[in-house]
Amino acid sequence: MALEVLRTGAFAAPLGDLPAGHVMRAHIATFLEFRDGLIVARRNYDCYEPLNPSGAP
């Protein structure tokens, strides 16, 4: 089974040049292998969007 996930989260506290509230986004592909109805293996491939302190694209 393959899953495509967009994960977002906001910083609770400042981190370096990034203010509290800055939103971080990750595009994730997850591949699951099943045997007898149970997950026996999982592979994740995460791709985080650039952290841009100015908020500009």
N, C-alpha and C. Protein backbone atom coordinates (compact mmCIF):
# COMPACT_ATOMS: atom_id res chain seq x y z
N MET A 1 0.85 -1.17 0.00
CA MET A 1 0.00 0.00 0.00
C MET A 1 0.89 1.23 0.00
N ALA A 2 0.49 2.23 -0.74
CA ALA A 2 1.24 3.49 -0.80
C ALA A 2 0.35 4.62 -0.28
N LEU A 3 0.95 5.52 0.48
CA LEU A 3 0.25 6.69 1.01
C LEU A 3 1.02 7.94 0.62
N GLU A 4 0.28 8.97 0.24
CA GLU A 4 0.87 10.29 -0.01
C GLU A 4 0.29 11.23 1.04
N VAL A 5 1.17 11.88 1.81
CA VAL A 5 0.74 12.66 2.97
C VAL A 5 1.34 14.05 2.91
N LEU A 6 0.55 15.07 3.25
CA LEU A 6 1.07 16.42 3.47
C LEU A 6 0.94 16.68 4.96
N ARG A 7 2.07 16.87 5.61
CA ARG A 7 2.09 17.10 7.05
C ARG A 7 2.49 18.55 7.31
N THR A 8 1.72 19.24 8.16
CA THR A 8 2.05 20.63 8.50
C THR A 8 2.07 20.76 10.02
N GLY A 9 2.87 21.70 10.48
CA GLY A 9 2.94 21.99 11.90
C GLY A 9 3.47 23.39 12.11
N ALA A 10 3.01 24.03 13.16
CA ALA A 10 3.46 25.38 13.49
C ALA A 10 4.39 25.32 14.69
N PHE A 11 5.46 26.11 14.64
CA PHE A 11 6.40 26.16 15.75
C PHE A 11 5.74 26.77 16.98
N ALA A 12 5.92 26.12 18.11
CA ALA A 12 5.40 26.65 19.37
C ALA A 12 6.31 27.73 19.93
N ALA A 13 7.58 27.67 19.56
CA ALA A 13 8.57 28.63 20.05
C ALA A 13 9.49 29.00 18.88
N PRO A 14 10.14 30.15 18.95
CA PRO A 14 11.07 30.53 17.88
C PRO A 14 12.20 29.51 17.74
N LEU A 15 12.69 29.37 16.52
CA LEU A 15 13.82 28.48 16.25
C LEU A 15 14.75 29.21 15.29
N GLY A 16 15.89 29.67 15.79
CA GLY A 16 16.81 30.45 14.97
C GLY A 16 16.12 31.72 14.47
N ASP A 17 16.12 31.91 13.14
CA ASP A 17 15.47 33.09 12.54
C ASP A 17 13.97 32.91 12.35
N LEU A 18 13.45 31.72 12.65
CA LEU A 18 12.03 31.44 12.42
C LEU A 18 11.22 31.76 13.66
N PRO A 19 10.14 32.53 13.51
CA PRO A 19 9.35 32.93 14.67
C PRO A 19 8.41 31.82 15.13
N ALA A 20 7.93 31.92 16.36
CA ALA A 20 6.86 31.05 16.82
C ALA A 20 5.68 31.23 15.86
N GLY A 21 5.01 30.15 15.54
CA GLY A 21 3.88 30.21 14.61
C GLY A 21 4.25 29.92 13.17
N HIS A 22 5.57 29.91 12.88
CA HIS A 22 6.00 29.59 11.51
C HIS A 22 5.52 28.19 11.15
N VAL A 23 4.96 28.03 9.96
CA VAL A 23 4.42 26.74 9.53
C VAL A 23 5.46 25.97 8.73
N MET A 24 5.69 24.72 9.11
CA MET A 24 6.61 23.84 8.41
C MET A 24 5.76 22.79 7.68
N ARG A 25 6.12 22.49 6.43
CA ARG A 25 5.38 21.51 5.63
C ARG A 25 6.31 20.41 5.14
N ALA A 26 5.80 19.18 5.16
CA ALA A 26 6.55 18.04 4.63
C ALA A 26 5.63 17.24 3.71
N HIS A 27 6.15 16.87 2.57
CA HIS A 27 5.46 15.98 1.64
C HIS A 27 6.07 14.60 1.86
N ILE A 28 5.23 13.63 2.16
CA ILE A 28 5.72 12.32 2.60
C ILE A 28 5.09 11.22 1.74
N ALA A 29 5.92 10.28 1.31
CA ALA A 29 5.44 9.05 0.68
C ALA A 29 5.75 7.92 1.65
N THR A 30 4.74 7.13 1.96
CA THR A 30 4.90 5.99 2.86
C THR A 30 4.46 4.73 2.14
N PHE A 31 5.27 3.70 2.23
CA PHE A 31 4.97 2.42 1.61
C PHE A 31 4.88 1.36 2.70
N LEU A 32 3.75 0.65 2.73
CA LEU A 32 3.52 -0.37 3.74
C LEU A 32 3.47 -1.74 3.08
N GLU A 33 4.08 -2.72 3.74
CA GLU A 33 3.99 -4.11 3.28
C GLU A 33 3.22 -4.90 4.34
N PHE A 34 2.28 -5.71 3.87
CA PHE A 34 1.42 -6.49 4.76
C PHE A 34 1.68 -7.98 4.58
N ARG A 35 1.51 -8.71 5.67
CA ARG A 35 1.53 -10.16 5.63
C ARG A 35 0.50 -10.65 6.65
N ASP A 36 -0.42 -11.46 6.20
CA ASP A 36 -1.48 -11.99 7.07
C ASP A 36 -2.24 -10.87 7.78
N GLY A 37 -2.47 -9.76 7.07
CA GLY A 37 -3.25 -8.66 7.61
C GLY A 37 -2.49 -7.74 8.56
N LEU A 38 -1.19 -7.98 8.73
CA LEU A 38 -0.38 -7.15 9.63
C LEU A 38 0.68 -6.40 8.83
N ILE A 39 1.03 -5.21 9.30
CA ILE A 39 2.11 -4.45 8.68
C ILE A 39 3.43 -5.10 9.10
N VAL A 40 4.23 -5.51 8.10
CA VAL A 40 5.51 -6.14 8.40
C VAL A 40 6.69 -5.25 8.01
N ALA A 41 6.44 -4.21 7.21
CA ALA A 41 7.51 -3.29 6.83
C ALA A 41 6.90 -1.95 6.45
N ARG A 42 7.66 -0.89 6.73
CA ARG A 42 7.24 0.47 6.38
C ARG A 42 8.46 1.26 5.92
N ARG A 43 8.31 1.97 4.81
CA ARG A 43 9.38 2.86 4.32
C ARG A 43 8.77 4.24 4.13
N ASN A 44 9.45 5.27 4.66
CA ASN A 44 9.03 6.66 4.53
C ASN A 44 10.06 7.44 3.73
N TYR A 45 9.58 8.33 2.89
CA TYR A 45 10.44 9.25 2.16
C TYR A 45 9.87 10.64 2.37
N ASP A 46 10.58 11.45 3.18
CA ASP A 46 10.11 12.78 3.56
C ASP A 46 10.82 13.85 2.74
N CYS A 47 10.07 14.84 2.32
CA CYS A 47 10.63 15.98 1.59
C CYS A 47 10.06 17.25 2.23
N TYR A 48 10.91 17.95 2.98
CA TYR A 48 10.47 19.17 3.67
C TYR A 48 10.63 20.38 2.76
N GLU A 49 9.62 21.25 2.79
CA GLU A 49 9.73 22.51 2.05
C GLU A 49 10.81 23.36 2.72
N PRO A 50 11.49 24.21 1.93
CA PRO A 50 12.54 25.06 2.51
C PRO A 50 11.98 25.93 3.65
N LEU A 51 12.78 26.09 4.69
CA LEU A 51 12.40 26.97 5.80
C LEU A 51 12.82 28.39 5.43
N ASN A 52 11.85 29.23 5.16
CA ASN A 52 12.12 30.58 4.69
C ASN A 52 11.66 31.57 5.76
N PRO A 53 12.58 32.17 6.50
CA PRO A 53 12.19 33.08 7.58
C PRO A 53 11.37 34.27 7.12
N SER A 54 11.56 34.73 5.90
CA SER A 54 10.84 35.93 5.44
C SER A 54 9.42 35.61 5.02
N GLY A 55 9.12 34.31 4.80
CA GLY A 55 7.78 33.94 4.37
C GLY A 55 7.60 34.08 2.86
N ALA A 56 8.59 34.62 2.15
CA ALA A 56 8.49 34.77 0.69
C ALA A 56 8.71 33.42 0.03
N PRO A 57 8.09 33.17 -1.12
CA PRO A 57 8.28 31.90 -1.82
C PRO A 57 9.69 31.73 -2.34
